[in-house]
Amino acid sequence: MSDGKTLPPPYTDENQAENAPQTSGVVYQANVIPVVIGPQMGPKESPMSCPSCNQQIVTRIEYKSTTKTHLFAALLCCIGCWPCVCIPYCVHSCQNADHYCPNCSAYIGSYKS
């Protein structure tokens, strides 16, 4: 090294012990954020208080197709029951039930079958 720069000493266990930060034995507790779990929804309408408009309601349900619905339809097609492929799209137990407030249309929760 002709430019006059010096390299740092090689890494050893002695260097680690010398450069290690000193701890005082104080333990800090991290802030814990509580997890809010929504109401437990079922496959049918549920009476409850709407968290958005605070009214006593019976939820409105919209059924939506999921990957499970498509897999059942594909399975029926693969085993030769292609005329029955539409059945998983008509049966509510193969779909998710999304619950909404009938007053304010706020999303309340979902039941995944």
N, C-alpha and C. Protein backbone atom coordinates (compact mmCIF):
# COMPACT_ATOMS: atom_id res chain seq x y z
N MET A 1 0.83 -1.17 0.00
CA MET A 1 0.00 0.00 0.00
C MET A 1 0.89 1.24 0.00
N SER A 2 0.98 1.80 -1.09
CA SER A 2 1.87 2.93 -1.23
C SER A 2 1.16 4.26 -1.02
N ASP A 3 -0.15 4.29 -0.88
CA ASP A 3 -0.84 5.57 -0.75
C ASP A 3 -0.97 6.02 0.71
N GLY A 4 -0.43 5.29 1.65
CA GLY A 4 -0.40 5.71 3.03
C GLY A 4 -1.62 5.30 3.84
N LYS A 5 -2.57 4.60 3.27
CA LYS A 5 -3.75 4.16 4.00
C LYS A 5 -3.43 2.86 4.73
N THR A 6 -3.96 2.74 5.92
CA THR A 6 -3.74 1.51 6.68
C THR A 6 -5.04 0.73 6.74
N LEU A 7 -4.94 -0.55 6.76
CA LEU A 7 -6.11 -1.43 6.84
C LEU A 7 -6.47 -1.65 8.30
N PRO A 8 -7.77 -1.88 8.57
CA PRO A 8 -8.15 -2.18 9.95
C PRO A 8 -7.60 -3.54 10.35
N PRO A 9 -7.45 -3.78 11.65
CA PRO A 9 -6.90 -5.07 12.09
C PRO A 9 -7.86 -6.19 11.70
N PRO A 10 -7.35 -7.39 11.49
CA PRO A 10 -8.22 -8.52 11.13
C PRO A 10 -9.20 -8.82 12.26
N TYR A 11 -10.33 -9.38 11.90
CA TYR A 11 -11.39 -9.69 12.87
C TYR A 11 -11.00 -10.90 13.70
N THR A 12 -11.05 -10.74 15.02
CA THR A 12 -10.80 -11.85 15.94
C THR A 12 -11.81 -11.78 17.06
N ASP A 13 -11.87 -12.83 17.85
CA ASP A 13 -12.78 -12.85 19.00
C ASP A 13 -12.39 -11.79 20.02
N GLU A 14 -11.11 -11.45 20.12
CA GLU A 14 -10.66 -10.42 21.06
C GLU A 14 -11.23 -9.07 20.66
N ASN A 15 -11.24 -8.77 19.35
CA ASN A 15 -11.80 -7.51 18.88
C ASN A 15 -13.29 -7.42 19.19
N GLN A 16 -13.97 -8.53 19.08
CA GLN A 16 -15.40 -8.55 19.33
C GLN A 16 -15.68 -8.23 20.80
N ALA A 17 -14.93 -8.81 21.72
CA ALA A 17 -15.13 -8.58 23.14
C ALA A 17 -14.81 -7.13 23.50
N GLU A 18 -13.79 -6.54 22.88
CA GLU A 18 -13.42 -5.17 23.18
C GLU A 18 -14.45 -4.18 22.66
N ASN A 19 -15.01 -4.44 21.49
CA ASN A 19 -15.91 -3.50 20.83
C ASN A 19 -17.39 -3.78 21.13
N ALA A 20 -17.68 -4.79 21.93
CA ALA A 20 -19.07 -5.12 22.22
C ALA A 20 -19.69 -4.05 23.11
N PRO A 21 -20.93 -3.67 22.82
CA PRO A 21 -21.57 -2.66 23.67
C PRO A 21 -21.85 -3.23 25.05
N GLN A 22 -21.70 -2.38 26.04
CA GLN A 22 -21.94 -2.80 27.41
C GLN A 22 -23.43 -2.66 27.70
N THR A 23 -24.03 -3.71 28.26
CA THR A 23 -25.45 -3.66 28.61
C THR A 23 -25.58 -3.41 30.10
N SER A 24 -26.64 -2.71 30.44
CA SER A 24 -26.84 -2.36 31.84
C SER A 24 -27.81 -3.30 32.54
N GLY A 25 -28.37 -4.26 31.84
CA GLY A 25 -29.31 -5.19 32.44
C GLY A 25 -30.74 -4.66 32.45
N VAL A 26 -31.00 -3.50 31.83
CA VAL A 26 -32.35 -2.95 31.78
C VAL A 26 -33.09 -3.62 30.62
N VAL A 27 -34.31 -4.07 30.90
CA VAL A 27 -35.11 -4.73 29.88
C VAL A 27 -36.23 -3.78 29.48
N TYR A 28 -36.35 -3.54 28.20
CA TYR A 28 -37.41 -2.68 27.68
C TYR A 28 -38.49 -3.56 27.08
N GLN A 29 -39.74 -3.20 27.36
CA GLN A 29 -40.86 -3.97 26.81
C GLN A 29 -41.40 -3.22 25.60
N ALA A 30 -41.54 -3.94 24.50
CA ALA A 30 -42.07 -3.33 23.29
C ALA A 30 -43.57 -3.08 23.45
N ASN A 31 -44.06 -2.05 22.78
CA ASN A 31 -45.49 -1.79 22.81
C ASN A 31 -46.21 -2.90 22.07
N VAL A 32 -47.24 -3.43 22.68
CA VAL A 32 -48.01 -4.51 22.08
C VAL A 32 -49.30 -3.92 21.54
N ILE A 33 -49.55 -4.15 20.26
CA ILE A 33 -50.77 -3.66 19.63
C ILE A 33 -51.80 -4.78 19.67
N PRO A 34 -52.95 -4.53 20.28
CA PRO A 34 -53.96 -5.59 20.35
C PRO A 34 -54.55 -5.88 18.98
N VAL A 35 -54.85 -7.13 18.75
CA VAL A 35 -55.47 -7.55 17.50
C VAL A 35 -56.97 -7.55 17.72
N VAL A 36 -57.68 -6.80 16.87
CA VAL A 36 -59.13 -6.73 16.99
C VAL A 36 -59.72 -7.78 16.06
N ILE A 37 -60.47 -8.68 16.65
CA ILE A 37 -61.11 -9.73 15.88
C ILE A 37 -62.57 -9.36 15.73
N GLY A 38 -63.05 -9.37 14.50
CA GLY A 38 -64.43 -9.01 14.23
C GLY A 38 -65.40 -10.07 14.73
N PRO A 39 -66.67 -9.79 14.59
CA PRO A 39 -67.67 -10.75 15.04
C PRO A 39 -67.59 -12.04 14.25
N GLN A 40 -67.90 -13.14 14.91
CA GLN A 40 -67.88 -14.44 14.24
C GLN A 40 -69.14 -14.55 13.39
N MET A 41 -68.96 -14.74 12.11
CA MET A 41 -70.06 -14.81 11.18
C MET A 41 -70.35 -16.27 10.83
N GLY A 42 -71.57 -16.54 10.48
CA GLY A 42 -71.96 -17.88 10.07
C GLY A 42 -72.41 -17.87 8.62
N PRO A 43 -72.89 -18.99 8.12
CA PRO A 43 -73.32 -19.07 6.72
C PRO A 43 -74.67 -18.41 6.47
N LYS A 44 -75.40 -18.05 7.52
CA LYS A 44 -76.73 -17.45 7.36
C LYS A 44 -76.75 -16.05 7.97
N GLU A 45 -77.85 -15.33 7.74
CA GLU A 45 -78.00 -13.99 8.30
C GLU A 45 -77.85 -14.04 9.82
N SER A 46 -77.25 -12.99 10.39
CA SER A 46 -77.01 -12.94 11.82
C SER A 46 -77.56 -11.65 12.41
N PRO A 47 -78.31 -11.75 13.51
CA PRO A 47 -78.73 -10.53 14.19
C PRO A 47 -77.56 -9.97 14.99
N MET A 48 -77.36 -8.65 14.92
CA MET A 48 -76.25 -8.03 15.62
C MET A 48 -76.41 -6.53 15.61
N SER A 49 -75.49 -5.84 16.25
CA SER A 49 -75.43 -4.39 16.20
C SER A 49 -74.36 -4.00 15.18
N CYS A 50 -74.74 -3.16 14.23
CA CYS A 50 -73.80 -2.75 13.19
C CYS A 50 -72.71 -1.87 13.80
N PRO A 51 -71.42 -2.21 13.58
CA PRO A 51 -70.34 -1.39 14.14
C PRO A 51 -70.22 -0.02 13.46
N SER A 52 -70.83 0.14 12.30
CA SER A 52 -70.72 1.40 11.58
C SER A 52 -71.84 2.38 11.95
N CYS A 53 -73.11 1.92 11.92
CA CYS A 53 -74.23 2.82 12.20
C CYS A 53 -74.86 2.58 13.57
N ASN A 54 -74.38 1.59 14.32
CA ASN A 54 -74.83 1.27 15.67
C ASN A 54 -76.32 0.94 15.76
N GLN A 55 -76.88 0.39 14.71
CA GLN A 55 -78.29 -0.01 14.71
C GLN A 55 -78.37 -1.52 14.91
N GLN A 56 -79.46 -2.00 15.51
CA GLN A 56 -79.71 -3.44 15.62
C GLN A 56 -80.20 -3.92 14.26
N ILE A 57 -79.50 -4.86 13.68
CA ILE A 57 -79.79 -5.30 12.32
C ILE A 57 -79.76 -6.82 12.22
N VAL A 58 -80.21 -7.32 11.09
CA VAL A 58 -79.97 -8.70 10.66
C VAL A 58 -79.17 -8.56 9.38
N THR A 59 -77.98 -9.14 9.35
CA THR A 59 -77.04 -8.91 8.24
C THR A 59 -77.62 -9.35 6.90
N ARG A 60 -77.18 -8.68 5.85
CA ARG A 60 -77.50 -9.04 4.47
C ARG A 60 -76.31 -9.82 3.93
N ILE A 61 -76.57 -10.91 3.23
CA ILE A 61 -75.48 -11.78 2.76
C ILE A 61 -75.36 -11.73 1.25
N GLU A 62 -74.12 -11.66 0.79
CA GLU A 62 -73.80 -11.82 -0.63
C GLU A 62 -72.83 -12.99 -0.73
N TYR A 63 -73.18 -13.97 -1.54
CA TYR A 63 -72.33 -15.14 -1.73
C TYR A 63 -71.38 -14.88 -2.89
N LYS A 64 -70.12 -15.24 -2.69
CA LYS A 64 -69.10 -15.03 -3.72
C LYS A 64 -68.33 -16.32 -3.96
N SER A 65 -68.07 -16.59 -5.24
CA SER A 65 -67.31 -17.78 -5.62
C SER A 65 -65.86 -17.61 -5.19
N THR A 66 -65.24 -18.71 -4.82
CA THR A 66 -63.85 -18.71 -4.38
C THR A 66 -63.06 -19.72 -5.19
N THR A 67 -61.80 -19.87 -4.86
CA THR A 67 -60.96 -20.88 -5.51
C THR A 67 -61.54 -22.27 -5.27
N LYS A 68 -62.08 -22.48 -4.09
CA LYS A 68 -62.70 -23.77 -3.77
C LYS A 68 -63.85 -24.07 -4.73
N THR A 69 -64.65 -23.06 -5.04
CA THR A 69 -65.76 -23.23 -5.98
C THR A 69 -65.25 -23.66 -7.35
N HIS A 70 -64.22 -22.99 -7.82
CA HIS A 70 -63.66 -23.30 -9.14
C HIS A 70 -63.03 -24.69 -9.17
N LEU A 71 -62.39 -25.08 -8.05
CA LEU A 71 -61.77 -26.41 -7.99
C LEU A 71 -62.82 -27.52 -8.03
N PHE A 72 -63.94 -27.31 -7.32
CA PHE A 72 -65.02 -28.31 -7.39
C PHE A 72 -65.58 -28.43 -8.80
N ALA A 73 -65.75 -27.31 -9.48
CA ALA A 73 -66.25 -27.32 -10.85
C ALA A 73 -65.27 -28.03 -11.78
N ALA A 74 -63.97 -27.76 -11.60
CA ALA A 74 -62.96 -28.42 -12.44
C ALA A 74 -62.92 -29.91 -12.16
N LEU A 75 -63.08 -30.31 -10.91
CA LEU A 75 -63.10 -31.73 -10.56
C LEU A 75 -64.28 -32.43 -11.22
N LEU A 76 -65.44 -31.81 -11.18
CA LEU A 76 -66.62 -32.40 -11.83
C LEU A 76 -66.39 -32.55 -13.33
N CYS A 77 -65.75 -31.57 -13.92
CA CYS A 77 -65.45 -31.63 -15.36
C CYS A 77 -64.45 -32.75 -15.66
N CYS A 78 -63.45 -32.91 -14.82
CA CYS A 78 -62.40 -33.91 -15.04
C CYS A 78 -62.91 -35.34 -14.89
N ILE A 79 -63.88 -35.54 -13.99
CA ILE A 79 -64.37 -36.91 -13.80
C ILE A 79 -65.51 -37.25 -14.75
N GLY A 80 -65.81 -36.33 -15.68
CA GLY A 80 -66.80 -36.63 -16.71
C GLY A 80 -68.20 -36.14 -16.41
N CYS A 81 -68.39 -35.40 -15.35
CA CYS A 81 -69.72 -34.87 -15.02
C CYS A 81 -69.84 -33.43 -15.49
N TRP A 82 -69.45 -33.17 -16.74
CA TRP A 82 -69.45 -31.79 -17.23
C TRP A 82 -70.83 -31.13 -17.21
N PRO A 83 -71.95 -31.88 -17.32
CA PRO A 83 -73.24 -31.17 -17.20
C PRO A 83 -73.49 -30.62 -15.79
N CYS A 84 -72.76 -31.11 -14.79
CA CYS A 84 -72.96 -30.68 -13.40
C CYS A 84 -71.97 -29.61 -12.97
N VAL A 85 -71.20 -29.08 -13.90
CA VAL A 85 -70.16 -28.11 -13.56
C VAL A 85 -70.74 -26.86 -12.90
N CYS A 86 -71.96 -26.49 -13.22
CA CYS A 86 -72.55 -25.26 -12.67
C CYS A 86 -73.03 -25.43 -11.22
N ILE A 87 -73.13 -26.65 -10.72
CA ILE A 87 -73.66 -26.89 -9.37
C ILE A 87 -72.86 -26.17 -8.28
N PRO A 88 -71.51 -26.22 -8.26
CA PRO A 88 -70.79 -25.50 -7.19
C PRO A 88 -71.06 -23.99 -7.18
N TYR A 89 -71.46 -23.43 -8.33
CA TYR A 89 -71.75 -22.00 -8.40
C TYR A 89 -73.16 -21.68 -7.90
N CYS A 90 -73.99 -22.70 -7.74
CA CYS A 90 -75.36 -22.52 -7.24
C CYS A 90 -75.51 -22.92 -5.78
N VAL A 91 -74.59 -23.71 -5.25
CA VAL A 91 -74.67 -24.20 -3.88
C VAL A 91 -73.89 -23.24 -2.98
N HIS A 92 -74.57 -22.69 -1.98
CA HIS A 92 -73.95 -21.70 -1.11
C HIS A 92 -72.83 -22.27 -0.24
N SER A 93 -72.84 -23.57 0.02
CA SER A 93 -71.79 -24.15 0.86
C SER A 93 -70.44 -24.20 0.15
N CYS A 94 -70.40 -23.95 -1.14
CA CYS A 94 -69.14 -23.90 -1.88
C CYS A 94 -68.65 -22.47 -2.09
N GLN A 95 -69.34 -21.51 -1.47
CA GLN A 95 -69.00 -20.10 -1.66
C GLN A 95 -68.82 -19.43 -0.30
N ASN A 96 -68.16 -18.27 -0.31
CA ASN A 96 -68.02 -17.47 0.90
C ASN A 96 -69.28 -16.63 1.08
N ALA A 97 -69.67 -16.42 2.34
CA ALA A 97 -70.82 -15.57 2.66
C ALA A 97 -70.28 -14.27 3.25
N ASP A 98 -70.40 -13.18 2.50
CA ASP A 98 -69.98 -11.86 2.97
C ASP A 98 -71.18 -11.17 3.60
N HIS A 99 -71.02 -10.71 4.85
CA HIS A 99 -72.10 -10.08 5.60
C HIS A 99 -71.99 -8.56 5.50
N TYR A 100 -73.13 -7.90 5.22
CA TYR A 100 -73.21 -6.45 5.10
C TYR A 100 -74.38 -5.94 5.93
N CYS A 101 -74.31 -4.67 6.32
CA CYS A 101 -75.40 -4.03 7.02
C CYS A 101 -76.46 -3.63 6.00
N PRO A 102 -77.75 -3.97 6.24
CA PRO A 102 -78.78 -3.58 5.28
C PRO A 102 -79.09 -2.08 5.31
N ASN A 103 -78.73 -1.39 6.41
CA ASN A 103 -79.01 0.05 6.52
C ASN A 103 -77.95 0.89 5.83
N CYS A 104 -76.69 0.68 6.20
CA CYS A 104 -75.61 1.55 5.70
C CYS A 104 -74.71 0.83 4.70
N SER A 105 -74.95 -0.44 4.41
CA SER A 105 -74.18 -1.26 3.45
C SER A 105 -72.72 -1.42 3.85
N ALA A 106 -72.41 -1.27 5.13
CA ALA A 106 -71.03 -1.46 5.60
C ALA A 106 -70.70 -2.95 5.63
N TYR A 107 -69.46 -3.27 5.24
CA TYR A 107 -68.99 -4.66 5.32
C TYR A 107 -68.76 -5.00 6.78
N ILE A 108 -69.32 -6.15 7.23
CA ILE A 108 -69.21 -6.54 8.62
C ILE A 108 -68.26 -7.71 8.81
N GLY A 109 -68.32 -8.68 7.94
CA GLY A 109 -67.45 -9.84 8.08
C GLY A 109 -67.75 -10.87 7.01
N SER A 110 -67.03 -11.97 7.07
CA SER A 110 -67.17 -13.00 6.06
C SER A 110 -67.13 -14.37 6.72
N TYR A 111 -67.91 -15.28 6.17
CA TYR A 111 -67.87 -16.68 6.59
C TYR A 111 -67.26 -17.46 5.44
N LYS A 112 -66.13 -18.07 5.69
CA LYS A 112 -65.44 -18.85 4.66
C LYS A 112 -65.77 -20.31 4.89
N SER A 113 -66.46 -20.89 3.93
CA SER A 113 -66.87 -22.29 4.06
C SER A 113 -65.77 -23.23 3.68
